[in-house]
Amino acid sequence: MHHDLSPRTPPGWEADEGRLLRFADPSGAAIAWFAPEFGGNCIGYAVRRAGGWAQIIHAAGPQVLRESPTRFGIPILFPFPGHVRGSRYTWAGAERQLPPNNPDGRGYVHGFAQFHPWRVERDGPDGLFAEFSTLTDLPDRAAVGYPFAVRLRLAFRLAQGAVLAPVAIRGLILAPVARDCQSIGPDGDESQDRSARSSARAAPRAHP
């Protein structure tokens, strides 16, 4: 009789298995764990080796991740990675003020996508689609300072022992929007897609 000796959770998540989605590579070479409520983060990744399973990504449990959502895993840093000094940036000639989200309360770091739950559509035992929309999933207090509406869609999959997690960005609006408006592209095409690379070209410029 074959016994599955693969790990059920990454380290630190033993008591919180129900908060994770677990995926296995069809080849049996790898396992990954996805945490929808923690910013759509892939918080664990293990591969099979000759001596057993090896955890590739550091993991420390939900409490540590809640306190610092970018501490481990594969966090989604959108709309910009890094620190925004003074929580201010200039976009389209106008200065925007962001609500400080650093633990010290004095700056803004890594955008908003990693701080809020993502909605998940399960795709199968080896992957999923997850989505985050600024119009429906971003609280008003966090949306302050962002003059756009955007929908992020993550296609997360395990294939041949590797984690594949491309993010598609749709409906970028470069002007103030109402929270209940429809998300459309800057050229008026509501089905227009923006890749992560093209969005980086339109990213706000932080103050020095």
N, C-alpha and C. Protein backbone atom coordinates (compact mmCIF):
# COMPACT_ATOMS: atom_id res chain seq x y z
N MET A 1 0.84 -1.20 0.00
CA MET A 1 0.00 0.00 0.00
C MET A 1 0.87 1.24 0.00
N HIS A 2 0.53 2.20 -0.84
CA HIS A 2 1.30 3.43 -0.95
C HIS A 2 0.81 4.45 0.07
N HIS A 3 1.71 5.01 0.83
CA HIS A 3 1.38 6.03 1.80
C HIS A 3 1.95 7.37 1.34
N ASP A 4 1.11 8.40 1.37
CA ASP A 4 1.54 9.73 0.99
C ASP A 4 2.29 10.36 2.16
N LEU A 5 3.61 10.50 2.01
CA LEU A 5 4.44 11.07 3.07
C LEU A 5 4.77 12.53 2.82
N SER A 6 4.11 13.13 1.85
CA SER A 6 4.37 14.53 1.56
C SER A 6 3.80 15.41 2.68
N PRO A 7 4.41 16.56 2.94
CA PRO A 7 3.95 17.44 4.03
C PRO A 7 2.56 18.00 3.75
N ARG A 8 1.74 18.06 4.80
CA ARG A 8 0.41 18.64 4.66
C ARG A 8 0.43 20.15 4.67
N THR A 9 1.34 20.73 5.43
CA THR A 9 1.45 22.19 5.53
C THR A 9 2.92 22.59 5.54
N PRO A 10 3.22 23.84 5.27
CA PRO A 10 4.58 24.35 5.49
C PRO A 10 4.79 24.56 7.00
N PRO A 11 6.02 24.72 7.44
CA PRO A 11 6.30 24.91 8.86
C PRO A 11 5.54 26.11 9.43
N GLY A 12 4.96 25.91 10.62
CA GLY A 12 4.26 26.99 11.30
C GLY A 12 2.78 27.06 10.99
N TRP A 13 2.30 26.27 10.05
CA TRP A 13 0.89 26.32 9.64
C TRP A 13 0.13 25.05 10.04
N GLU A 14 0.69 24.25 10.89
CA GLU A 14 0.07 22.97 11.23
C GLU A 14 -1.35 23.14 11.79
N ALA A 15 -1.57 24.19 12.59
CA ALA A 15 -2.88 24.41 13.19
C ALA A 15 -3.80 25.24 12.30
N ASP A 16 -3.32 25.64 11.13
CA ASP A 16 -4.10 26.52 10.24
C ASP A 16 -4.18 25.96 8.84
N GLU A 17 -4.21 24.65 8.72
CA GLU A 17 -4.22 24.02 7.40
C GLU A 17 -5.44 24.46 6.59
N GLY A 18 -6.56 24.72 7.25
CA GLY A 18 -7.77 25.09 6.56
C GLY A 18 -7.73 26.47 5.91
N ARG A 19 -6.73 27.26 6.24
CA ARG A 19 -6.60 28.60 5.65
C ARG A 19 -5.76 28.59 4.39
N LEU A 20 -5.25 27.43 4.03
CA LEU A 20 -4.37 27.30 2.87
C LEU A 20 -5.01 26.45 1.78
N LEU A 21 -4.61 26.69 0.54
CA LEU A 21 -4.92 25.81 -0.57
C LEU A 21 -3.63 25.10 -0.95
N ARG A 22 -3.69 23.79 -0.99
CA ARG A 22 -2.50 22.97 -1.23
C ARG A 22 -2.56 22.41 -2.65
N PHE A 23 -1.44 22.53 -3.37
CA PHE A 23 -1.38 22.06 -4.74
C PHE A 23 -0.17 21.15 -4.92
N ALA A 24 -0.37 20.11 -5.72
CA ALA A 24 0.71 19.16 -5.98
C ALA A 24 1.01 19.12 -7.47
N ASP A 25 2.29 19.11 -7.78
CA ASP A 25 2.72 18.93 -9.16
C ASP A 25 2.25 17.56 -9.64
N PRO A 26 1.65 17.45 -10.83
CA PRO A 26 1.20 16.14 -11.32
C PRO A 26 2.31 15.10 -11.36
N SER A 27 3.55 15.54 -11.48
CA SER A 27 4.67 14.59 -11.52
C SER A 27 5.06 14.10 -10.13
N GLY A 28 4.50 14.73 -9.08
CA GLY A 28 4.86 14.36 -7.71
C GLY A 28 6.15 14.97 -7.24
N ALA A 29 6.70 15.93 -7.99
CA ALA A 29 8.00 16.49 -7.66
C ALA A 29 7.93 17.69 -6.72
N ALA A 30 6.76 18.29 -6.57
CA ALA A 30 6.69 19.52 -5.78
C ALA A 30 5.30 19.73 -5.21
N ILE A 31 5.25 20.52 -4.14
CA ILE A 31 4.00 20.92 -3.50
C ILE A 31 4.10 22.41 -3.20
N ALA A 32 2.98 23.13 -3.32
CA ALA A 32 2.96 24.54 -2.97
C ALA A 32 1.68 24.85 -2.21
N TRP A 33 1.73 25.91 -1.40
CA TRP A 33 0.58 26.32 -0.61
C TRP A 33 0.27 27.78 -0.89
N PHE A 34 -1.00 28.06 -1.09
CA PHE A 34 -1.47 29.39 -1.44
C PHE A 34 -2.38 29.90 -0.32
N ALA A 35 -2.18 31.15 0.10
CA ALA A 35 -2.95 31.74 1.20
C ALA A 35 -3.79 32.89 0.68
N PRO A 36 -5.05 32.65 0.29
CA PRO A 36 -5.87 33.72 -0.30
C PRO A 36 -6.07 34.92 0.62
N GLU A 37 -6.28 34.68 1.91
CA GLU A 37 -6.58 35.81 2.81
C GLU A 37 -5.35 36.63 3.15
N PHE A 38 -4.17 36.14 2.81
CA PHE A 38 -2.92 36.85 3.09
C PHE A 38 -2.33 37.41 1.79
N GLY A 39 -3.14 38.18 1.08
CA GLY A 39 -2.65 38.85 -0.12
C GLY A 39 -2.38 37.96 -1.30
N GLY A 40 -3.02 36.78 -1.36
CA GLY A 40 -2.77 35.89 -2.48
C GLY A 40 -1.34 35.42 -2.55
N ASN A 41 -0.74 35.18 -1.40
CA ASN A 41 0.68 34.84 -1.32
C ASN A 41 0.88 33.32 -1.41
N CYS A 42 1.85 32.91 -2.20
CA CYS A 42 2.32 31.52 -2.18
C CYS A 42 3.27 31.42 -1.00
N ILE A 43 2.79 30.90 0.13
CA ILE A 43 3.57 30.98 1.37
C ILE A 43 4.41 29.73 1.65
N GLY A 44 4.32 28.73 0.77
CA GLY A 44 5.12 27.54 0.97
C GLY A 44 5.37 26.81 -0.33
N TYR A 45 6.56 26.20 -0.43
CA TYR A 45 6.94 25.48 -1.64
C TYR A 45 7.95 24.42 -1.24
N ALA A 46 7.63 23.17 -1.51
CA ALA A 46 8.51 22.06 -1.14
C ALA A 46 8.76 21.18 -2.35
N VAL A 47 9.96 20.62 -2.45
CA VAL A 47 10.31 19.73 -3.55
C VAL A 47 10.79 18.39 -3.00
N ARG A 48 10.55 17.35 -3.79
CA ARG A 48 10.95 16.01 -3.39
C ARG A 48 12.41 15.78 -3.78
N ARG A 49 13.20 15.34 -2.81
CA ARG A 49 14.59 14.99 -3.05
C ARG A 49 14.84 13.54 -2.63
N ALA A 50 16.03 13.07 -2.90
CA ALA A 50 16.33 11.67 -2.60
C ALA A 50 16.11 11.34 -1.13
N GLY A 51 16.40 12.28 -0.26
CA GLY A 51 16.26 12.02 1.17
C GLY A 51 14.93 12.43 1.76
N GLY A 52 13.99 12.84 0.92
CA GLY A 52 12.68 13.28 1.41
C GLY A 52 12.31 14.65 0.86
N TRP A 53 11.39 15.31 1.54
CA TRP A 53 10.89 16.60 1.09
C TRP A 53 11.70 17.74 1.69
N ALA A 54 12.00 18.74 0.87
CA ALA A 54 12.75 19.91 1.33
C ALA A 54 11.91 21.16 1.12
N GLN A 55 11.77 21.97 2.19
CA GLN A 55 11.05 23.23 2.10
C GLN A 55 11.98 24.28 1.47
N ILE A 56 11.55 24.88 0.38
CA ILE A 56 12.38 25.84 -0.36
C ILE A 56 12.13 27.27 0.12
N ILE A 57 10.89 27.59 0.50
CA ILE A 57 10.54 28.93 0.95
C ILE A 57 10.44 28.95 2.47
N HIS A 58 11.07 29.92 3.09
CA HIS A 58 10.95 30.08 4.54
C HIS A 58 9.49 30.35 4.91
N ALA A 59 9.01 29.71 5.95
CA ALA A 59 7.64 29.93 6.42
C ALA A 59 7.66 29.96 7.94
N ALA A 60 6.80 30.80 8.51
CA ALA A 60 6.80 30.95 9.97
C ALA A 60 5.40 31.05 10.56
N GLY A 61 4.37 30.79 9.81
CA GLY A 61 3.03 30.78 10.34
C GLY A 61 2.26 32.06 10.11
N PRO A 62 0.92 32.00 10.31
CA PRO A 62 0.05 33.13 9.95
C PRO A 62 0.26 34.38 10.79
N GLN A 63 0.63 34.24 12.05
CA GLN A 63 0.80 35.43 12.88
C GLN A 63 1.94 36.30 12.38
N VAL A 64 3.06 35.68 12.04
CA VAL A 64 4.20 36.42 11.52
C VAL A 64 3.85 37.05 10.17
N LEU A 65 3.14 36.31 9.34
CA LEU A 65 2.78 36.83 8.02
C LEU A 65 1.80 37.99 8.14
N ARG A 66 0.89 37.91 9.09
CA ARG A 66 -0.06 39.01 9.29
C ARG A 66 0.68 40.29 9.72
N GLU A 67 1.67 40.14 10.58
CA GLU A 67 2.41 41.29 11.05
C GLU A 67 3.30 41.88 9.97
N SER A 68 3.80 41.03 9.07
CA SER A 68 4.68 41.49 8.00
C SER A 68 4.37 40.68 6.74
N PRO A 69 3.40 41.12 5.91
CA PRO A 69 2.95 40.33 4.77
C PRO A 69 4.00 40.05 3.71
N THR A 70 5.12 40.78 3.73
CA THR A 70 6.16 40.53 2.73
C THR A 70 7.36 39.80 3.32
N ARG A 71 7.22 39.27 4.53
CA ARG A 71 8.36 38.65 5.22
C ARG A 71 8.81 37.37 4.51
N PHE A 72 7.85 36.58 4.00
CA PHE A 72 8.23 35.35 3.32
C PHE A 72 7.17 34.99 2.29
N GLY A 73 7.47 33.94 1.51
CA GLY A 73 6.59 33.52 0.45
C GLY A 73 6.90 34.26 -0.85
N ILE A 74 5.87 34.37 -1.68
CA ILE A 74 5.98 35.09 -2.96
C ILE A 74 4.93 36.19 -2.95
N PRO A 75 5.15 37.27 -2.20
CA PRO A 75 4.14 38.33 -2.10
C PRO A 75 4.00 39.10 -3.41
N ILE A 76 2.79 39.57 -3.66
CA ILE A 76 2.51 40.38 -4.85
C ILE A 76 2.61 41.84 -4.47
N LEU A 77 3.64 42.51 -4.96
CA LEU A 77 3.89 43.91 -4.61
C LEU A 77 3.37 44.80 -5.72
N PHE A 78 2.19 45.35 -5.50
CA PHE A 78 1.53 46.17 -6.51
C PHE A 78 0.86 47.36 -5.83
N PRO A 79 0.92 48.54 -6.44
CA PRO A 79 1.42 48.88 -7.79
C PRO A 79 2.91 49.18 -7.86
N PHE A 80 3.63 49.09 -6.76
CA PHE A 80 5.08 49.29 -6.84
C PHE A 80 5.75 48.56 -5.67
N PRO A 81 6.91 47.97 -5.92
CA PRO A 81 7.71 47.43 -4.83
C PRO A 81 8.58 48.53 -4.23
N GLY A 82 8.97 48.34 -3.00
CA GLY A 82 9.86 49.31 -2.37
C GLY A 82 9.11 50.34 -1.56
N HIS A 83 9.88 51.31 -1.05
CA HIS A 83 9.36 52.32 -0.14
C HIS A 83 9.04 53.61 -0.89
N VAL A 84 7.96 54.27 -0.49
CA VAL A 84 7.61 55.60 -1.00
C VAL A 84 7.88 56.58 0.14
N ARG A 85 8.95 57.31 0.00
CA ARG A 85 9.37 58.20 1.07
C ARG A 85 8.33 59.29 1.32
N GLY A 86 7.98 59.46 2.59
CA GLY A 86 6.99 60.46 2.95
C GLY A 86 5.58 60.11 2.54
N SER A 87 5.38 58.90 2.01
CA SER A 87 4.06 58.45 1.55
C SER A 87 3.48 59.36 0.48
N ARG A 88 4.34 59.99 -0.34
CA ARG A 88 3.89 60.89 -1.40
C ARG A 88 4.51 60.48 -2.73
N TYR A 89 3.75 60.65 -3.80
CA TYR A 89 4.30 60.44 -5.14
C TYR A 89 3.58 61.39 -6.10
N THR A 90 4.20 61.59 -7.26
CA THR A 90 3.63 62.45 -8.29
C THR A 90 3.22 61.61 -9.49
N TRP A 91 2.01 61.81 -9.96
CA TRP A 91 1.51 61.08 -11.13
C TRP A 91 0.68 62.06 -11.95
N ALA A 92 1.00 62.16 -13.24
CA ALA A 92 0.28 63.04 -14.18
C ALA A 92 0.29 64.48 -13.69
N GLY A 93 1.41 64.89 -13.08
CA GLY A 93 1.57 66.26 -12.65
C GLY A 93 0.92 66.61 -11.33
N ALA A 94 0.27 65.66 -10.69
CA ALA A 94 -0.40 65.92 -9.42
C ALA A 94 0.24 65.11 -8.32
N GLU A 95 0.35 65.70 -7.14
CA GLU A 95 0.89 64.99 -5.99
C GLU A 95 -0.20 64.17 -5.32
N ARG A 96 0.13 62.92 -5.02
CA ARG A 96 -0.81 62.02 -4.35
C ARG A 96 -0.27 61.66 -2.98
N GLN A 97 -1.14 61.63 -2.00
CA GLN A 97 -0.76 61.29 -0.63
C GLN A 97 -1.32 59.92 -0.29
N LEU A 98 -0.45 59.03 0.17
CA LEU A 98 -0.86 57.68 0.53
C LEU A 98 -0.99 57.54 2.05
N PRO A 99 -1.90 56.69 2.52
CA PRO A 99 -2.00 56.44 3.96
C PRO A 99 -0.80 55.60 4.41
N PRO A 100 0.01 56.06 5.34
CA PRO A 100 1.21 55.30 5.75
C PRO A 100 0.84 53.87 6.18
N ASN A 101 1.62 52.90 5.71
CA ASN A 101 1.36 51.52 6.10
C ASN A 101 2.60 50.82 6.66
N ASN A 102 3.70 51.56 6.83
CA ASN A 102 4.87 51.00 7.49
C ASN A 102 4.56 50.79 8.96
N PRO A 103 5.15 49.77 9.58
CA PRO A 103 4.91 49.57 11.02
C PRO A 103 5.24 50.80 11.85
N ASP A 104 6.23 51.60 11.41
CA ASP A 104 6.58 52.79 12.19
C ASP A 104 5.64 53.97 11.90
N GLY A 105 4.70 53.79 10.96
CA GLY A 105 3.73 54.82 10.67
C GLY A 105 4.27 56.01 9.92
N ARG A 106 5.48 55.91 9.38
CA ARG A 106 6.11 57.08 8.77
C ARG A 106 6.33 56.95 7.27
N GLY A 107 5.87 55.90 6.67
CA GLY A 107 6.10 55.74 5.25
C GLY A 107 5.14 54.74 4.64
N TYR A 108 5.28 54.54 3.34
CA TYR A 108 4.42 53.63 2.60
C TYR A 108 5.31 52.64 1.86
N VAL A 109 4.93 51.36 1.90
CA VAL A 109 5.81 50.34 1.34
C VAL A 109 5.01 49.30 0.55
N HIS A 110 5.50 48.97 -0.64
CA HIS A 110 5.07 47.81 -1.43
C HIS A 110 3.63 47.85 -1.94
N GLY A 111 2.96 48.99 -1.92
CA GLY A 111 1.62 49.03 -2.47
C GLY A 111 0.58 48.42 -1.53
N PHE A 112 -0.49 47.85 -2.13
CA PHE A 112 -1.61 47.38 -1.32
C PHE A 112 -1.99 45.93 -1.53
N ALA A 113 -1.57 45.31 -2.62
CA ALA A 113 -2.09 43.99 -2.99
C ALA A 113 -1.81 42.90 -1.96
N GLN A 114 -0.70 43.01 -1.24
CA GLN A 114 -0.31 41.96 -0.31
C GLN A 114 -1.00 42.06 1.04
N PHE A 115 -1.75 43.15 1.28
CA PHE A 115 -2.37 43.36 2.58
C PHE A 115 -3.82 42.86 2.66
N HIS A 116 -4.41 42.50 1.53
CA HIS A 116 -5.85 42.22 1.51
C HIS A 116 -6.15 40.86 0.89
N PRO A 117 -7.27 40.25 1.27
CA PRO A 117 -7.63 38.94 0.71
C PRO A 117 -7.88 39.00 -0.79
N TRP A 118 -7.57 37.91 -1.46
CA TRP A 118 -7.87 37.75 -2.88
C TRP A 118 -9.01 36.75 -3.03
N ARG A 119 -9.80 36.92 -4.09
CA ARG A 119 -10.87 35.99 -4.39
C ARG A 119 -10.33 34.88 -5.29
N VAL A 120 -10.69 33.64 -4.97
CA VAL A 120 -10.09 32.49 -5.65
C VAL A 120 -11.13 31.70 -6.41
N GLU A 121 -10.75 31.31 -7.64
CA GLU A 121 -11.52 30.36 -8.43
C GLU A 121 -10.63 29.14 -8.62
N ARG A 122 -10.97 28.07 -7.97
CA ARG A 122 -10.11 26.88 -8.02
C ARG A 122 -10.12 26.29 -9.42
N ASP A 123 -8.95 25.96 -9.91
CA ASP A 123 -8.80 25.51 -11.29
C ASP A 123 -8.50 24.03 -11.38
N GLY A 124 -8.02 23.45 -10.30
CA GLY A 124 -7.66 22.04 -10.33
C GLY A 124 -6.67 21.72 -9.23
N PRO A 125 -6.24 20.47 -9.14
CA PRO A 125 -5.34 20.09 -8.05
C PRO A 125 -3.94 20.67 -8.16
N ASP A 126 -3.57 21.22 -9.33
CA ASP A 126 -2.22 21.75 -9.50
C ASP A 126 -2.20 23.26 -9.73
N GLY A 127 -3.34 23.97 -9.55
CA GLY A 127 -3.30 25.41 -9.76
C GLY A 127 -4.65 26.07 -9.57
N LEU A 128 -4.65 27.41 -9.69
CA LEU A 128 -5.86 28.18 -9.49
C LEU A 128 -5.76 29.52 -10.21
N PHE A 129 -6.90 30.21 -10.26
CA PHE A 129 -6.94 31.61 -10.65
C PHE A 129 -7.41 32.40 -9.45
N ALA A 130 -6.78 33.53 -9.18
CA ALA A 130 -7.19 34.42 -8.10
C ALA A 130 -7.28 35.83 -8.63
N GLU A 131 -8.18 36.62 -8.06
CA GLU A 131 -8.41 37.96 -8.58
C GLU A 131 -8.53 38.97 -7.44
N PHE A 132 -8.07 40.20 -7.75
CA PHE A 132 -8.20 41.31 -6.82
C PHE A 132 -8.57 42.55 -7.62
N SER A 133 -9.64 43.22 -7.21
CA SER A 133 -10.08 44.44 -7.88
C SER A 133 -10.09 45.60 -6.90
N THR A 134 -9.55 46.73 -7.32
CA THR A 134 -9.55 47.89 -6.44
C THR A 134 -10.97 48.42 -6.23
N LEU A 135 -11.88 48.10 -7.13
CA LEU A 135 -13.24 48.60 -7.01
C LEU A 135 -14.06 47.82 -5.98
N THR A 136 -13.75 46.55 -5.79
CA THR A 136 -14.56 45.71 -4.91
C THR A 136 -13.80 45.15 -3.72
N ASP A 137 -12.48 45.07 -3.80
CA ASP A 137 -11.71 44.38 -2.76
C ASP A 137 -10.80 45.29 -1.95
N LEU A 138 -10.63 46.52 -2.39
CA LEU A 138 -9.75 47.45 -1.68
C LEU A 138 -10.59 48.39 -0.82
N PRO A 139 -10.42 48.36 0.51
CA PRO A 139 -11.21 49.25 1.37
C PRO A 139 -10.95 50.72 1.03
N ASP A 140 -11.94 51.55 1.29
CA ASP A 140 -11.82 52.97 0.97
C ASP A 140 -10.60 53.60 1.63
N ARG A 141 -10.32 53.21 2.87
CA ARG A 141 -9.19 53.82 3.58
C ARG A 141 -7.86 53.50 2.92
N ALA A 142 -7.78 52.34 2.25
CA ALA A 142 -6.55 51.95 1.56
C ALA A 142 -6.49 52.51 0.15
N ALA A 143 -7.65 52.87 -0.41
CA ALA A 143 -7.69 53.37 -1.79
C ALA A 143 -7.31 54.84 -1.89
N VAL A 144 -7.21 55.51 -0.77
CA VAL A 144 -6.84 56.92 -0.78
C VAL A 144 -5.47 57.09 -1.44
N GLY A 145 -5.38 57.98 -2.40
CA GLY A 145 -4.10 58.24 -3.04
C GLY A 145 -3.89 57.49 -4.34
N TYR A 146 -4.84 56.63 -4.74
CA TYR A 146 -4.69 55.88 -5.99
C TYR A 146 -5.73 56.36 -7.01
N PRO A 147 -5.33 57.12 -8.01
CA PRO A 147 -6.28 57.66 -8.99
C PRO A 147 -6.55 56.70 -10.14
N PHE A 148 -6.78 55.45 -9.84
CA PHE A 148 -7.05 54.48 -10.89
C PHE A 148 -7.89 53.33 -10.33
N ALA A 149 -8.48 52.60 -11.25
CA ALA A 149 -9.14 51.34 -10.91
C ALA A 149 -8.46 50.25 -11.72
N VAL A 150 -8.19 49.13 -11.07
CA VAL A 150 -7.46 48.07 -11.76
C VAL A 150 -7.90 46.72 -11.21
N ARG A 151 -7.86 45.74 -12.09
CA ARG A 151 -8.17 44.37 -11.71
C ARG A 151 -6.93 43.51 -11.93
N LEU A 152 -6.48 42.83 -10.90
CA LEU A 152 -5.34 41.93 -10.99
C LEU A 152 -5.85 40.49 -11.04
N ARG A 153 -5.28 39.70 -11.92
CA ARG A 153 -5.66 38.29 -12.04
C ARG A 153 -4.39 37.45 -12.03
N LEU A 154 -4.33 36.57 -11.07
CA LEU A 154 -3.17 35.71 -10.88
C LEU A 154 -3.48 34.30 -11.34
N ALA A 155 -2.65 33.77 -12.22
CA ALA A 155 -2.76 32.38 -12.66
C ALA A 155 -1.64 31.59 -11.98
N PHE A 156 -1.99 30.88 -10.93
CA PHE A 156 -1.00 30.17 -10.11
C PHE A 156 -1.02 28.69 -10.46
N ARG A 157 0.16 28.14 -10.77
CA ARG A 157 0.19 26.74 -11.18
C ARG A 157 1.55 26.11 -10.87
N LEU A 158 1.50 24.82 -10.59
CA LEU A 158 2.71 24.03 -10.45
C LEU A 158 2.89 23.21 -11.72
N ALA A 159 4.08 23.24 -12.29
CA ALA A 159 4.34 22.48 -13.50
C ALA A 159 5.81 22.08 -13.53
N GLN A 160 6.06 20.79 -13.66
CA GLN A 160 7.41 20.25 -13.75
C GLN A 160 8.28 20.74 -12.58
N GLY A 161 7.69 20.77 -11.40
CA GLY A 161 8.43 21.13 -10.20
C GLY A 161 8.64 22.60 -9.98
N ALA A 162 8.08 23.46 -10.85
CA ALA A 162 8.28 24.91 -10.73
C ALA A 162 6.96 25.61 -10.43
N VAL A 163 7.05 26.72 -9.71
CA VAL A 163 5.89 27.56 -9.44
C VAL A 163 5.77 28.59 -10.56
N LEU A 164 4.62 28.62 -11.23
CA LEU A 164 4.35 29.60 -12.27
C LEU A 164 3.24 30.52 -11.75
N ALA A 165 3.51 31.84 -11.70
CA ALA A 165 2.53 32.75 -11.13
C ALA A 165 2.51 34.09 -11.86
N PRO A 166 2.17 34.10 -13.15
CA PRO A 166 2.07 35.38 -13.86
C PRO A 166 0.84 36.16 -13.39
N VAL A 167 0.95 37.48 -13.37
CA VAL A 167 -0.15 38.36 -12.98
C VAL A 167 -0.55 39.21 -14.18
N ALA A 168 -1.83 39.17 -14.56
CA ALA A 168 -2.36 40.03 -15.62
C ALA A 168 -3.03 41.23 -14.98
N ILE A 169 -2.85 42.41 -15.57
CA ILE A 169 -3.42 43.65 -15.05
C ILE A 169 -4.37 44.21 -16.09
N ARG A 170 -5.60 44.43 -15.69
CA ARG A 170 -6.62 44.87 -16.64
C ARG A 170 -7.30 46.15 -16.15
N GLY A 171 -7.61 47.03 -17.11
CA GLY A 171 -8.45 48.17 -16.82
C GLY A 171 -7.77 49.26 -16.04
N LEU A 172 -6.54 49.65 -16.39
CA LEU A 172 -5.86 50.72 -15.68
C LEU A 172 -6.44 52.06 -16.08
N ILE A 173 -6.90 52.83 -15.08
CA ILE A 173 -7.47 54.15 -15.32
C ILE A 173 -6.54 55.20 -14.72
N LEU A 174 -6.11 56.15 -15.52
CA LEU A 174 -5.14 57.13 -15.07
C LEU A 174 -5.79 58.43 -14.65
N ALA A 175 -6.99 58.35 -14.11
CA ALA A 175 -7.71 59.54 -13.64
C ALA A 175 -8.54 59.14 -12.43
N PRO A 176 -8.94 60.10 -11.59
CA PRO A 176 -9.77 59.76 -10.43
C PRO A 176 -11.04 59.04 -10.86
N VAL A 177 -11.43 58.03 -10.09
CA VAL A 177 -12.61 57.24 -10.42
C VAL A 177 -13.49 57.11 -9.20
N ALA A 178 -14.78 56.92 -9.45
CA ALA A 178 -15.71 56.62 -8.36
C ALA A 178 -15.59 55.15 -8.02
N ARG A 179 -15.80 54.81 -6.77
CA ARG A 179 -15.63 53.42 -6.35
C ARG A 179 -16.65 52.49 -6.99
N ASP A 180 -17.79 53.04 -7.48
CA ASP A 180 -18.81 52.18 -8.06
C ASP A 180 -18.81 52.22 -9.58
N CYS A 181 -17.76 52.80 -10.19
CA CYS A 181 -17.74 52.89 -11.65
C CYS A 181 -17.22 51.60 -12.26
N GLN A 182 -17.40 51.45 -13.57
CA GLN A 182 -16.92 50.28 -14.27
C GLN A 182 -15.45 50.46 -14.61
N SER A 183 -14.69 49.39 -14.46
CA SER A 183 -13.26 49.46 -14.76
C SER A 183 -13.04 49.34 -16.25
N ILE A 184 -12.40 50.37 -16.85
CA ILE A 184 -12.11 50.36 -18.28
C ILE A 184 -10.66 50.74 -18.50
N GLY A 185 -10.17 50.48 -19.68
CA GLY A 185 -8.80 50.83 -20.02
C GLY A 185 -8.67 52.29 -20.35
N PRO A 186 -7.44 52.83 -20.37
CA PRO A 186 -7.22 54.23 -20.65
C PRO A 186 -7.65 54.65 -22.04
N ASP A 187 -7.80 53.69 -22.95
CA ASP A 187 -8.26 54.00 -24.30
C ASP A 187 -9.74 53.73 -24.48
N GLY A 188 -10.44 53.48 -23.36
CA GLY A 188 -11.88 53.26 -23.42
C GLY A 188 -12.27 51.83 -23.69
N ASP A 189 -11.33 50.91 -23.76
CA ASP A 189 -11.62 49.51 -24.05
C ASP A 189 -11.69 48.76 -22.74
N GLU A 190 -12.89 48.34 -22.33
CA GLU A 190 -13.02 47.71 -21.03
C GLU A 190 -12.47 46.29 -21.02
N SER A 191 -12.09 45.74 -22.16
CA SER A 191 -11.49 44.41 -22.19
C SER A 191 -9.99 44.47 -22.38
N GLN A 192 -9.43 45.67 -22.29
CA GLN A 192 -8.00 45.85 -22.57
C GLN A 192 -7.15 45.27 -21.45
N ASP A 193 -6.14 44.51 -21.79
CA ASP A 193 -5.23 43.93 -20.81
C ASP A 193 -3.97 44.75 -20.75
N ARG A 194 -3.38 44.78 -19.55
CA ARG A 194 -2.08 45.41 -19.36
C ARG A 194 -1.18 44.40 -18.69
N SER A 195 -0.05 44.13 -19.25
CA SER A 195 0.88 43.21 -18.62
C SER A 195 1.60 43.89 -17.48
N ALA A 196 2.25 43.07 -16.61
CA ALA A 196 2.99 43.65 -15.50
C ALA A 196 4.09 44.57 -16.01
N ARG A 197 4.65 44.24 -17.17
CA ARG A 197 5.73 45.07 -17.69
C ARG A 197 5.21 46.43 -18.13
N SER A 198 4.05 46.45 -18.82
CA SER A 198 3.53 47.73 -19.28
C SER A 198 3.07 48.57 -18.10
N SER A 199 2.56 47.93 -17.04
CA SER A 199 2.12 48.70 -15.88
C SER A 199 3.29 49.34 -15.19
N ALA A 200 4.45 48.69 -15.25
CA ALA A 200 5.63 49.27 -14.60
C ALA A 200 6.04 50.58 -15.27
N ARG A 201 5.80 50.67 -16.58
CA ARG A 201 6.14 51.91 -17.28
C ARG A 201 5.24 53.06 -16.84
N ALA A 202 4.02 52.72 -16.39
CA ALA A 202 3.09 53.76 -15.97
C ALA A 202 3.09 53.96 -14.47
N ALA A 203 4.03 53.31 -13.77
CA ALA A 203 4.04 53.37 -12.31
C ALA A 203 4.34 54.77 -11.83
N PRO A 204 3.79 55.13 -10.67
CA PRO A 204 4.03 56.48 -10.13
C PRO A 204 5.47 56.69 -9.76
N ARG A 205 5.88 57.94 -9.79
CA ARG A 205 7.25 58.31 -9.41
C ARG A 205 7.24 58.81 -7.98
N ALA A 206 8.02 58.15 -7.12
CA ALA A 206 8.07 58.55 -5.73
C ALA A 206 8.94 59.78 -5.56
N HIS A 207 8.63 60.57 -4.54
CA HIS A 207 9.46 61.73 -4.24
C HIS A 207 10.81 61.28 -3.71
N PRO A 208 11.89 61.96 -4.06
CA PRO A 208 13.21 61.59 -3.53
C PRO A 208 13.28 61.93 -2.04
